Amino acid sequence: MDLNLKGKVAIVTGGGSGLGASISEALSMEGCSVVVNYIVDEANTFRFVDYLNEKYDTNAIPLYGDITKAEDIDNVIARAVDIYGKVDILVNNAGIWPTAWVESMSDEEWERTVKINLTGPFMFSKRVVQHLIGRKSPGKIINIVSQAAFHGSTSGHAHYAAAKGGLVTFNISLAREVAKYGINVVAVAPGMMRTPMNKKELEERESEYVKRIPLGRISDPMEVANTVAFLASNKADYITGATIDVTGGMLMR
C-alpha cells in the first residue's frame, strides 16, 4: 500500500534508537523526510541517518534537542522549517522507563519521568500545532504511550505508567481542540518490544511477559513502527483521539 507520504516532513523525538529508530526507518521507507531528534549517542545517530539516506534515497537529518527544554524544541522546529520549509508530522516517541518502587522512589525521579514522558510531548505538540495553524495546513501528531497507561505497573514503573496515562488523556483533549484545523492526534500503545530500553528486563523476565501476551511473543519494534507510519498517512485521516493497541493482545480495547 502506498501511504502517500512522499514529500512529507516528520520529526521523530528519540528517533535514533529503539522504537524511534524503527519509526524513522518506516517513515523513510515511505518517502518521508525525517528529522531524527536525539539527545544521546550522537555518533550512532549520525551513522543511522546516513544509513537511512543511502538505503531509501531520502533526506533525513539528525538534530540534537532536549524535549524538556523549550529553547531546544524551538530550535529543532526552526531548523526543520529552515531546511524543509515545513513540518507535517510529529511523533512524540522519546521517553524513559526507570525502575523504582513508590515507597523508595525519589521525588526527583518522579519529576524527571513525568517531565520527559508527559511534559515534553505537551511542549513539542503545542509548538507543532502553532506551526500547522500558522501554515493553515493539516498535520499529524502521534503520541507513543503504553499498555501500562491502562493497566498500571506491577514491576516498579508507577511513574512511567502515570505519565503515559496522562499522555493518553492529553491525546484526547488535544485531538478535540485541533480537529477543526485538520490536525489529527492519535496515540499508539505498544506492549513489550525488543529494544535496548527493555533488554535488561527481558533478560530477567521474558517468560513472564510472554505469558501475558495472547499472541505469545515479544514484538519487533518495526511492527509498531508500521502502525505509526499508517497513522501518519492520509489513509488514517478519519482517525483522531484514539489510542491504537499494538500489544499482541495485552490490552484488547
Protein backbone atom coordinates (compact mmCIF):
# COMPACT_ATOMS: atom_id res chain seq x y z
CA MET A 1 0.00 0.00 0.00
CA ASP A 2 1.34 3.42 -0.95
CA LEU A 3 0.88 5.58 2.13
CA ASN A 4 1.33 8.77 0.10
CA LEU A 5 3.97 10.14 2.46
CA LYS A 6 6.41 11.31 -0.21
CA GLY A 7 7.15 14.98 0.30
CA LYS A 8 6.04 14.95 3.93
CA VAL A 9 8.33 16.11 6.73
CA ALA A 10 8.30 14.29 10.07
CA ILE A 11 10.01 14.93 13.39
CA VAL A 12 10.60 11.79 15.46
CA THR A 13 11.75 12.50 19.00
CA GLY A 14 14.22 9.96 20.30
CA GLY A 15 14.39 8.87 16.68
CA GLY A 16 17.88 7.40 16.61
CA SER A 17 17.47 4.22 18.63
CA GLY A 18 14.98 1.60 19.74
CA LEU A 19 11.39 2.10 18.65
CA GLY A 20 12.24 5.64 17.49
CA ALA A 21 14.77 4.30 15.00
CA SER A 22 12.22 1.84 13.64
CA ILE A 23 9.69 4.66 13.27
CA SER A 24 12.28 6.82 11.49
CA GLU A 25 13.02 3.92 9.16
CA ALA A 26 9.36 3.10 8.45
CA LEU A 27 8.67 6.73 7.54
CA SER A 28 11.83 6.96 5.41
CA MET A 29 10.80 3.78 3.62
CA GLU A 30 7.59 5.58 2.60
CA GLY A 31 9.44 8.61 1.26
CA CYS A 32 9.20 10.92 4.25
CA SER A 33 11.97 13.39 5.08
CA VAL A 34 12.67 12.57 8.73
CA VAL A 35 14.18 14.82 11.37
CA VAL A 36 15.82 12.31 13.71
CA ASN A 37 15.82 14.08 17.06
CA TYR A 38 18.31 12.80 19.64
CA ILE A 39 19.92 13.73 22.94
CA VAL A 40 22.43 10.88 23.47
CA ASP A 41 24.59 8.60 21.33
CA GLU A 42 25.35 11.24 18.70
CA ALA A 43 27.85 9.21 16.67
CA ASN A 44 25.47 6.27 16.24
CA THR A 45 22.59 8.60 15.39
CA PHE A 46 24.63 10.22 12.63
CA ARG A 47 25.56 6.79 11.27
CA PHE A 48 21.91 5.74 11.39
CA VAL A 49 20.83 8.82 9.43
CA ASP A 50 23.50 8.08 6.80
CA TYR A 51 22.08 4.56 6.55
CA LEU A 52 18.53 5.88 6.03
CA ASN A 53 19.64 8.26 3.29
CA GLU A 54 21.71 5.66 1.49
CA LYS A 55 19.15 2.85 1.69
CA TYR A 56 15.97 4.81 0.96
CA ASP A 57 17.34 7.75 -1.05
CA THR A 58 15.62 10.09 1.37
CA ASN A 59 16.67 13.33 3.07
CA ALA A 60 16.82 12.54 6.78
CA ILE A 61 18.79 14.77 9.14
CA PRO A 62 19.89 14.37 12.78
CA LEU A 63 19.00 17.22 15.16
CA TYR A 64 20.01 17.42 18.80
CA GLY A 65 17.33 18.60 21.22
CA ASP A 66 16.22 18.02 24.80
CA ILE A 67 12.42 17.68 24.68
CA THR A 68 12.12 19.12 28.19
CA LYS A 69 13.72 22.43 27.15
CA ALA A 70 11.62 24.94 25.25
CA GLU A 71 14.61 26.52 23.52
CA ASP A 72 15.76 23.13 22.20
CA ILE A 73 12.30 22.30 20.84
CA ASP A 74 12.06 25.73 19.21
CA ASN A 75 15.45 25.16 17.59
CA VAL A 76 14.53 21.71 16.23
CA ILE A 77 11.33 23.05 14.66
CA ALA A 78 13.05 26.17 13.32
CA ARG A 79 15.88 24.12 11.78
CA ALA A 80 13.37 21.73 10.21
CA VAL A 81 11.41 24.61 8.71
CA ASP A 82 14.61 26.28 7.51
CA ILE A 83 15.78 23.07 5.77
CA TYR A 84 12.48 21.66 4.51
CA GLY A 85 10.12 24.65 4.63
CA LYS A 86 7.58 22.92 6.86
CA VAL A 87 6.73 20.21 9.37
CA ASP A 88 3.80 17.87 8.67
CA ILE A 89 4.13 15.09 11.23
CA LEU A 90 5.30 14.91 14.84
CA VAL A 91 5.95 11.58 16.57
CA ASN A 92 6.36 12.03 20.32
CA ASN A 93 8.42 8.92 20.95
CA ALA A 94 11.24 9.96 23.31
CA GLY A 95 10.83 8.57 26.79
CA ILE A 96 12.47 6.90 29.76
CA TRP A 97 11.49 3.77 31.70
CA PRO A 98 13.26 3.82 35.07
CA THR A 99 12.56 1.27 37.79
CA ALA A 100 11.71 2.17 41.38
CA TRP A 101 9.03 1.15 43.84
CA VAL A 102 6.89 4.04 45.06
CA GLU A 103 7.98 3.58 48.68
CA SER A 104 11.60 4.30 47.76
CA MET A 105 11.15 6.44 44.63
CA SER A 106 12.84 9.82 44.90
CA ASP A 107 10.82 12.94 44.23
CA GLU A 108 13.42 13.89 41.62
CA GLU A 109 12.98 10.62 39.70
CA TRP A 110 9.20 11.05 39.65
CA GLU A 111 9.53 14.60 38.36
CA ARG A 112 12.08 13.67 35.69
CA THR A 113 9.99 10.74 34.43
CA VAL A 114 6.84 12.84 34.16
CA LYS A 115 8.75 15.71 32.58
CA ILE A 116 10.22 13.57 29.80
CA ASN A 117 7.24 11.27 29.18
CA LEU A 118 4.40 13.80 29.51
CA THR A 119 5.52 17.42 29.69
CA GLY A 120 7.92 17.04 26.76
CA PRO A 121 5.20 15.77 24.40
CA PHE A 122 2.93 18.63 25.51
CA MET A 123 5.64 21.22 24.81
CA PHE A 124 6.53 19.76 21.41
CA SER A 125 2.89 19.25 20.38
CA LYS A 126 1.95 22.81 21.28
CA ARG A 127 4.66 24.24 19.07
CA VAL A 128 3.93 21.97 16.11
CA VAL A 129 0.22 22.83 16.41
CA GLN A 130 1.14 26.53 16.30
CA HIS A 131 3.26 25.87 13.20
CA LEU A 132 0.48 23.95 11.44
CA ILE A 133 -2.19 26.52 12.28
CA GLY A 134 0.13 29.29 11.11
CA ARG A 135 0.58 27.49 7.78
CA LYS A 136 -3.16 26.70 7.62
CA SER A 137 -2.11 23.14 6.96
CA PRO A 138 -3.40 19.77 8.15
CA GLY A 139 -0.98 17.55 10.02
CA LYS A 140 -0.49 14.53 12.24
CA ILE A 141 0.66 14.23 15.84
CA ILE A 142 1.31 10.69 17.08
CA ASN A 143 2.00 10.01 20.75
CA ILE A 144 3.73 6.81 21.84
CA VAL A 145 2.07 5.66 25.04
CA SER A 146 2.00 2.17 26.61
CA GLN A 147 -0.26 -0.62 27.76
CA ALA A 148 0.85 0.49 31.25
CA ALA A 149 -1.26 3.64 30.76
CA PHE A 150 -4.31 1.39 31.12
CA HIS A 151 -3.07 -1.48 33.30
CA GLY A 152 -0.69 0.38 35.59
CA SER A 153 2.61 -1.20 36.59
CA THR A 154 3.36 -4.27 38.66
CA SER A 155 7.13 -4.08 38.24
CA GLY A 156 8.28 -0.74 39.67
CA HIS A 157 7.26 1.66 36.91
CA ALA A 158 4.41 3.59 38.54
CA HIS A 159 5.85 6.96 37.50
CA TYR A 160 6.11 5.80 33.87
CA ALA A 161 2.57 4.39 33.89
CA ALA A 162 1.19 7.60 35.40
CA ALA A 163 2.93 9.77 32.81
CA LYS A 164 1.72 7.59 29.93
CA GLY A 165 -1.80 7.61 31.37
CA GLY A 166 -1.66 11.39 31.37
CA LEU A 167 -0.44 11.35 27.79
CA VAL A 168 -3.45 9.23 26.73
CA THR A 169 -5.80 11.83 28.23
CA PHE A 170 -3.82 14.71 26.75
CA ASN A 171 -4.01 12.96 23.38
CA ILE A 172 -7.83 13.01 23.55
CA SER A 173 -8.02 16.61 24.73
CA LEU A 174 -5.63 17.89 22.06
CA ALA A 175 -7.45 15.91 19.35
CA ARG A 176 -10.72 17.62 20.31
CA GLU A 177 -9.11 21.07 20.25
CA VAL A 178 -7.36 20.85 16.89
CA ALA A 179 -9.73 18.72 14.80
CA LYS A 180 -11.23 21.89 13.34
CA TYR A 181 -7.82 22.72 11.84
CA GLY A 182 -7.49 19.36 10.11
CA ILE A 183 -4.89 18.14 12.59
CA ASN A 184 -5.20 14.52 13.67
CA VAL A 185 -3.87 13.47 17.07
CA VAL A 186 -3.56 9.77 17.82
CA ALA A 187 -1.70 7.53 20.24
CA VAL A 188 -0.06 4.15 19.80
CA ALA A 189 0.22 1.80 22.77
CA PRO A 190 2.96 -0.80 22.34
CA GLY A 191 3.47 -3.71 24.67
CA MET A 192 6.84 -5.29 25.34
CA MET A 193 9.28 -4.88 22.43
CA ARG A 194 12.83 -5.99 21.74
CA THR A 195 14.54 -2.63 22.19
CA PRO A 196 17.65 -1.54 24.11
CA MET A 197 15.43 0.08 26.77
CA ASN A 198 13.82 -3.29 27.53
CA LYS A 199 16.88 -5.51 27.14
CA LYS A 200 17.66 -5.97 30.84
CA GLU A 201 14.01 -6.58 31.74
CA LEU A 202 13.66 -9.22 29.02
CA GLU A 203 16.86 -10.96 30.07
CA GLU A 204 15.43 -11.32 33.57
CA ARG A 205 11.69 -11.83 32.97
CA GLU A 206 10.93 -12.63 29.32
CA SER A 207 8.89 -15.74 30.10
CA GLU A 208 6.67 -13.76 32.48
CA TYR A 209 5.94 -11.16 29.80
CA VAL A 210 5.22 -13.78 27.14
CA LYS A 211 2.62 -15.41 29.41
CA ARG A 212 0.75 -12.08 29.49
CA ILE A 213 0.69 -11.71 25.69
CA PRO A 214 -2.10 -13.63 23.92
CA LEU A 215 -0.09 -13.78 20.68
CA GLY A 216 2.65 -15.47 22.68
CA ARG A 217 5.72 -13.48 21.65
CA ILE A 218 7.61 -10.22 22.19
CA SER A 219 7.13 -7.79 19.31
CA ASP A 220 9.71 -6.46 16.94
CA PRO A 221 9.66 -2.62 17.09
CA MET A 222 9.12 -2.44 13.32
CA GLU A 223 5.66 -3.95 13.87
CA VAL A 224 4.76 -0.92 15.96
CA ALA A 225 6.54 1.45 13.58
CA ASN A 226 4.44 0.28 10.64
CA THR A 227 1.31 1.22 12.58
CA VAL A 228 2.79 4.68 13.22
CA ALA A 229 3.52 5.12 9.50
CA PHE A 230 -0.07 4.20 8.63
CA LEU A 231 -1.44 6.69 11.17
CA ALA A 232 0.85 9.40 9.77
CA SER A 233 -0.62 8.86 6.31
CA ASN A 234 -3.77 10.13 4.63
CA LYS A 235 -5.12 6.56 4.83
CA ALA A 236 -5.83 7.32 8.50
CA ASP A 237 -7.39 10.76 8.08
CA TYR A 238 -10.62 9.69 9.79
CA ILE A 239 -8.88 8.53 12.98
CA THR A 240 -8.31 11.05 15.76
CA GLY A 241 -8.24 10.98 19.56
CA ALA A 242 -7.87 7.19 19.58
CA THR A 243 -5.22 5.01 21.16
CA ILE A 244 -4.29 2.13 18.87
CA ASP A 245 -3.48 -1.13 20.65
CA VAL A 246 -0.30 -2.77 19.32
CA THR A 247 0.36 -5.03 22.31
CA GLY A 248 -0.18 -8.51 20.89
CA GLY A 249 -3.48 -8.64 22.77
CA MET A 250 -2.42 -7.41 26.20
CA LEU A 251 -4.99 -4.59 26.03
CA MET A 252 -7.73 -5.71 23.64
CA ARG A 253 -9.52 -2.38 23.81
